[in-house]
């Protein structure tokens, strides 16, 4: 699985590196750049919060005596992720040509 993730990552980076000039030009693809960015932000935040909750629940199951501390830390971290997500969504959706 680790090899698949690395190959996917480098493939995506190569596509983005070569697609930058295409997205910089005027055309139909530039209109959807905000929507693509918003989708990537949403998926990234959902993945991050899922991993955060998974690790927190695992820690609470292993050490129930510190469950309160872990829960507070999890809620603070999730709030920070949500705040950054909302900021990134606002930035991405400002590129929406139909909202102008």
N, C-alpha and C. Protein backbone atom coordinates (compact mmCIF):
# COMPACT_ATOMS: atom_id res chain seq x y z
N UNK A 1 0.82 -1.20 0.00
CA UNK A 1 0.00 0.00 0.00
C UNK A 1 0.86 1.25 0.00
N UNK A 2 1.97 1.20 0.70
CA UNK A 2 2.84 2.35 0.79
C UNK A 2 3.40 2.72 -0.59
N UNK A 3 3.73 1.72 -1.38
CA UNK A 3 4.27 1.97 -2.72
C UNK A 3 3.20 2.60 -3.62
N UNK A 4 1.97 2.15 -3.49
CA UNK A 4 0.87 2.71 -4.26
C UNK A 4 0.65 4.18 -3.91
N UNK A 5 0.73 4.50 -2.63
CA UNK A 5 0.55 5.89 -2.20
C UNK A 5 1.67 6.77 -2.75
N UNK A 6 2.89 6.29 -2.70
CA UNK A 6 4.01 7.08 -3.24
C UNK A 6 3.88 7.28 -4.73
N UNK A 7 3.50 6.24 -5.46
CA UNK A 7 3.34 6.37 -6.91
C UNK A 7 2.21 7.33 -7.25
N UNK A 8 1.12 7.26 -6.50
CA UNK A 8 0.01 8.17 -6.73
C UNK A 8 0.43 9.60 -6.44
N UNK A 9 1.16 9.80 -5.35
CA UNK A 9 1.62 11.13 -4.99
C UNK A 9 2.51 11.72 -6.08
N UNK A 10 3.51 10.99 -6.51
CA UNK A 10 4.43 11.51 -7.52
C UNK A 10 3.75 11.68 -8.88
N UNK A 11 2.80 10.82 -9.18
CA UNK A 11 2.04 10.99 -10.42
C UNK A 11 1.21 12.26 -10.39
N UNK A 12 0.57 12.51 -9.26
CA UNK A 12 -0.22 13.73 -9.11
C UNK A 12 0.67 14.96 -9.17
N UNK A 13 1.83 14.91 -8.55
CA UNK A 13 2.74 16.06 -8.59
C UNK A 13 3.22 16.32 -10.02
N UNK A 14 3.48 15.27 -10.78
CA UNK A 14 3.91 15.45 -12.17
C UNK A 14 2.80 16.06 -13.02
N UNK A 15 1.58 15.58 -12.82
CA UNK A 15 0.45 16.14 -13.56
C UNK A 15 0.27 17.61 -13.22
N UNK A 16 0.34 17.95 -11.94
CA UNK A 16 0.18 19.35 -11.54
C UNK A 16 1.31 20.23 -12.06
N UNK A 17 2.52 19.70 -12.09
CA UNK A 17 3.65 20.48 -12.58
C UNK A 17 3.50 20.78 -14.07
N UNK A 18 3.04 19.80 -14.84
CA UNK A 18 2.90 20.02 -16.28
C UNK A 18 1.60 20.74 -16.62
N UNK A 19 0.63 20.71 -15.73
CA UNK A 19 -0.65 21.35 -16.00
C UNK A 19 -0.65 22.83 -15.63
N UNK A 20 0.35 23.30 -14.93
CA UNK A 20 0.38 24.69 -14.50
C UNK A 20 0.31 25.66 -15.67
N UNK A 21 1.09 25.48 -16.75
CA UNK A 21 0.94 26.40 -17.88
C UNK A 21 -0.44 26.33 -18.52
N UNK A 22 -1.04 25.16 -18.54
CA UNK A 22 -2.36 25.02 -19.14
C UNK A 22 -3.41 25.74 -18.30
N UNK A 23 -3.30 25.66 -16.99
CA UNK A 23 -4.25 26.34 -16.13
C UNK A 23 -4.02 27.85 -16.12
N UNK A 24 -2.80 28.29 -16.42
CA UNK A 24 -2.51 29.72 -16.40
C UNK A 24 -3.10 30.43 -17.62
N UNK A 25 -3.30 29.70 -18.70
CA UNK A 25 -3.87 30.30 -19.90
C UNK A 25 -5.38 30.48 -19.74
N UNK A 26 -5.92 31.42 -20.50
CA UNK A 26 -7.36 31.58 -20.49
C UNK A 26 -8.00 30.42 -21.24
N UNK A 27 -9.04 29.88 -20.66
CA UNK A 27 -9.72 28.77 -21.29
C UNK A 27 -10.73 28.15 -20.35
N UNK A 28 -11.32 27.06 -20.79
CA UNK A 28 -12.39 26.46 -19.96
C UNK A 28 -11.87 25.83 -18.67
N UNK A 29 -10.61 25.41 -18.65
CA UNK A 29 -10.10 24.75 -17.45
C UNK A 29 -9.89 25.73 -16.30
N UNK A 30 -9.60 26.98 -16.62
CA UNK A 30 -9.35 27.95 -15.56
C UNK A 30 -10.63 28.25 -14.79
N UNK A 31 -11.78 28.07 -15.42
CA UNK A 31 -13.04 28.35 -14.75
C UNK A 31 -13.32 27.36 -13.63
N UNK A 32 -12.78 26.16 -13.73
CA UNK A 32 -13.06 25.14 -12.73
C UNK A 32 -11.94 24.97 -11.72
N UNK A 33 -10.93 25.84 -11.76
CA UNK A 33 -9.81 25.69 -10.83
C UNK A 33 -10.24 25.90 -9.38
N UNK A 34 -11.16 26.82 -9.14
CA UNK A 34 -11.66 27.03 -7.78
C UNK A 34 -12.44 25.84 -7.28
N UNK A 35 -13.23 25.23 -8.16
CA UNK A 35 -14.01 24.05 -7.77
C UNK A 35 -13.09 22.85 -7.50
N UNK A 36 -12.07 22.71 -8.30
CA UNK A 36 -11.11 21.61 -8.08
C UNK A 36 -10.38 21.83 -6.76
N UNK A 37 -9.95 23.05 -6.50
CA UNK A 37 -9.28 23.36 -5.24
C UNK A 37 -10.18 23.13 -4.04
N UNK A 38 -11.45 23.54 -4.16
CA UNK A 38 -12.39 23.34 -3.05
C UNK A 38 -12.61 21.85 -2.79
N UNK A 39 -12.69 21.07 -3.85
CA UNK A 39 -12.84 19.62 -3.68
C UNK A 39 -11.64 18.99 -3.01
N UNK A 40 -10.45 19.40 -3.43
CA UNK A 40 -9.23 18.86 -2.82
C UNK A 40 -9.12 19.27 -1.35
N UNK A 41 -9.50 20.49 -1.03
CA UNK A 41 -9.47 20.95 0.36
C UNK A 41 -10.44 20.13 1.20
N UNK A 42 -11.63 19.89 0.67
CA UNK A 42 -12.63 19.14 1.41
C UNK A 42 -12.19 17.72 1.66
N UNK A 43 -11.67 17.06 0.64
CA UNK A 43 -11.20 15.69 0.82
C UNK A 43 -10.01 15.63 1.78
N UNK A 44 -9.11 16.60 1.68
CA UNK A 44 -7.96 16.62 2.58
C UNK A 44 -8.35 16.82 4.03
N UNK A 45 -9.30 17.72 4.26
CA UNK A 45 -9.75 17.96 5.63
C UNK A 45 -10.48 16.75 6.19
N UNK A 46 -11.31 16.13 5.37
CA UNK A 46 -12.03 14.94 5.83
C UNK A 46 -11.06 13.82 6.17
N UNK A 47 -10.04 13.64 5.35
CA UNK A 47 -9.03 12.62 5.62
C UNK A 47 -8.26 12.94 6.90
N UNK A 48 -7.89 14.20 7.07
CA UNK A 48 -7.13 14.60 8.26
C UNK A 48 -7.92 14.44 9.54
N UNK A 49 -9.18 14.83 9.53
CA UNK A 49 -10.00 14.69 10.73
C UNK A 49 -10.29 13.22 11.00
N UNK A 50 -10.45 12.43 9.96
CA UNK A 50 -10.64 10.99 10.14
C UNK A 50 -9.43 10.33 10.79
N UNK A 51 -8.25 10.69 10.31
CA UNK A 51 -7.02 10.15 10.92
C UNK A 51 -6.86 10.63 12.36
N UNK A 52 -7.21 11.88 12.61
CA UNK A 52 -7.13 12.43 13.96
C UNK A 52 -8.06 11.69 14.91
N UNK A 53 -9.30 11.49 14.50
CA UNK A 53 -10.26 10.79 15.35
C UNK A 53 -9.85 9.34 15.56
N UNK A 54 -9.35 8.70 14.52
CA UNK A 54 -8.91 7.31 14.64
C UNK A 54 -7.78 7.18 15.67
N UNK A 55 -6.80 8.06 15.57
CA UNK A 55 -5.68 8.00 16.52
C UNK A 55 -6.13 8.35 17.94
N UNK A 56 -7.06 9.29 18.06
CA UNK A 56 -7.54 9.67 19.39
C UNK A 56 -8.32 8.52 20.03
N UNK A 57 -9.19 7.89 19.27
CA UNK A 57 -9.96 6.76 19.81
C UNK A 57 -9.05 5.59 20.16
N UNK A 58 -8.03 5.39 19.35
CA UNK A 58 -7.07 4.33 19.65
C UNK A 58 -6.34 4.63 20.95
N UNK A 59 -5.94 5.89 21.14
CA UNK A 59 -5.27 6.28 22.38
C UNK A 59 -6.17 6.18 23.59
N UNK A 60 -7.45 6.53 23.41
CA UNK A 60 -8.40 6.42 24.52
C UNK A 60 -8.67 4.96 24.88
N UNK A 61 -8.67 4.10 23.89
CA UNK A 61 -8.90 2.68 24.17
C UNK A 61 -7.69 2.07 24.88
N UNK A 62 -6.50 2.54 24.55
CA UNK A 62 -5.30 1.98 25.17
C UNK A 62 -5.10 2.50 26.59
N UNK A 63 -5.44 3.77 26.81
CA UNK A 63 -5.26 4.38 28.13
C UNK A 63 -6.52 5.14 28.52
N UNK A 64 -7.50 4.45 29.06
CA UNK A 64 -8.76 5.12 29.40
C UNK A 64 -8.62 6.20 30.46
N UNK A 65 -7.58 6.15 31.27
CA UNK A 65 -7.43 7.14 32.34
C UNK A 65 -7.09 8.53 31.81
N UNK A 66 -6.57 8.65 30.59
CA UNK A 66 -6.26 9.96 30.02
C UNK A 66 -7.21 10.31 28.87
N UNK A 67 -8.37 9.67 28.85
CA UNK A 67 -9.31 9.89 27.75
C UNK A 67 -9.78 11.34 27.69
N UNK A 68 -9.98 11.97 28.83
CA UNK A 68 -10.42 13.37 28.84
C UNK A 68 -9.40 14.30 28.21
N UNK A 69 -8.15 14.10 28.52
CA UNK A 69 -7.08 14.93 27.96
C UNK A 69 -6.97 14.72 26.45
N UNK A 70 -7.06 13.48 26.03
CA UNK A 70 -6.98 13.17 24.60
C UNK A 70 -8.16 13.78 23.86
N UNK A 71 -9.34 13.70 24.47
CA UNK A 71 -10.53 14.24 23.83
C UNK A 71 -10.44 15.75 23.66
N UNK A 72 -9.94 16.45 24.65
CA UNK A 72 -9.79 17.90 24.55
C UNK A 72 -8.79 18.25 23.45
N UNK A 73 -7.68 17.54 23.42
CA UNK A 73 -6.67 17.78 22.38
C UNK A 73 -7.24 17.48 20.99
N UNK A 74 -8.05 16.43 20.90
CA UNK A 74 -8.65 16.08 19.60
C UNK A 74 -9.61 17.17 19.15
N UNK A 75 -10.41 17.69 20.05
CA UNK A 75 -11.38 18.73 19.69
C UNK A 75 -10.66 20.00 19.26
N UNK A 76 -9.60 20.38 19.96
CA UNK A 76 -8.84 21.57 19.58
C UNK A 76 -8.20 21.38 18.21
N UNK A 77 -7.60 20.22 17.96
CA UNK A 77 -6.97 19.96 16.66
C UNK A 77 -8.01 19.93 15.54
N UNK A 78 -9.16 19.34 15.79
CA UNK A 78 -10.21 19.29 14.78
C UNK A 78 -10.72 20.70 14.48
N UNK A 79 -10.82 21.54 15.49
CA UNK A 79 -11.26 22.93 15.27
C UNK A 79 -10.24 23.70 14.43
N UNK A 80 -8.96 23.46 14.68
CA UNK A 80 -7.93 24.12 13.86
C UNK A 80 -7.98 23.65 12.41
N UNK A 81 -8.20 22.36 12.21
CA UNK A 81 -8.32 21.83 10.85
C UNK A 81 -9.54 22.43 10.16
N UNK A 82 -10.66 22.51 10.88
CA UNK A 82 -11.88 23.09 10.30
C UNK A 82 -11.68 24.56 9.96
N UNK A 83 -11.00 25.31 10.82
CA UNK A 83 -10.76 26.72 10.54
C UNK A 83 -9.92 26.91 9.30
N UNK A 84 -8.87 26.13 9.17
CA UNK A 84 -8.04 26.22 7.97
C UNK A 84 -8.83 25.80 6.75
N UNK A 85 -9.68 24.79 6.89
CA UNK A 85 -10.49 24.33 5.76
C UNK A 85 -11.43 25.42 5.28
N UNK A 86 -12.10 26.10 6.22
CA UNK A 86 -13.01 27.17 5.82
C UNK A 86 -12.26 28.31 5.14
N UNK A 87 -11.07 28.65 5.64
CA UNK A 87 -10.27 29.69 5.00
C UNK A 87 -9.88 29.29 3.59
N UNK A 88 -9.43 28.05 3.42
CA UNK A 88 -9.04 27.57 2.09
C UNK A 88 -10.23 27.51 1.14
N UNK A 89 -11.41 27.13 1.65
CA UNK A 89 -12.60 27.12 0.80
C UNK A 89 -12.97 28.52 0.34
N UNK A 90 -12.85 29.49 1.23
CA UNK A 90 -13.14 30.88 0.83
C UNK A 90 -12.18 31.34 -0.24
N UNK A 91 -10.91 31.02 -0.09
CA UNK A 91 -9.91 31.40 -1.09
C UNK A 91 -10.21 30.72 -2.42
N UNK A 92 -10.54 29.43 -2.39
CA UNK A 92 -10.83 28.70 -3.63
C UNK A 92 -12.10 29.20 -4.29
N UNK A 93 -13.12 29.46 -3.52
CA UNK A 93 -14.40 29.86 -4.10
C UNK A 93 -14.41 31.31 -4.57
N UNK A 94 -13.41 32.09 -4.20
CA UNK A 94 -13.29 33.44 -4.74
C UNK A 94 -12.88 33.40 -6.19
N UNK A 95 -12.39 32.27 -6.65
CA UNK A 95 -12.00 32.13 -8.05
C UNK A 95 -13.16 31.65 -8.92
N UNK A 96 -14.35 31.56 -8.34
CA UNK A 96 -15.53 31.10 -9.06
C UNK A 96 -16.00 32.21 -10.02
N UNK A 97 -16.00 31.96 -11.31
CA UNK A 97 -16.40 33.02 -12.25
C UNK A 97 -17.90 33.31 -12.21
N UNK A 98 -18.72 32.39 -11.71
CA UNK A 98 -20.15 32.59 -11.69
C UNK A 98 -20.60 33.38 -10.46
N UNK A 99 -19.75 33.55 -9.48
CA UNK A 99 -20.12 34.28 -8.27
C UNK A 99 -19.88 35.78 -8.41
N UNK A 100 -19.31 36.20 -9.50
CA UNK A 100 -18.97 37.62 -9.66
C UNK A 100 -20.15 38.42 -10.13
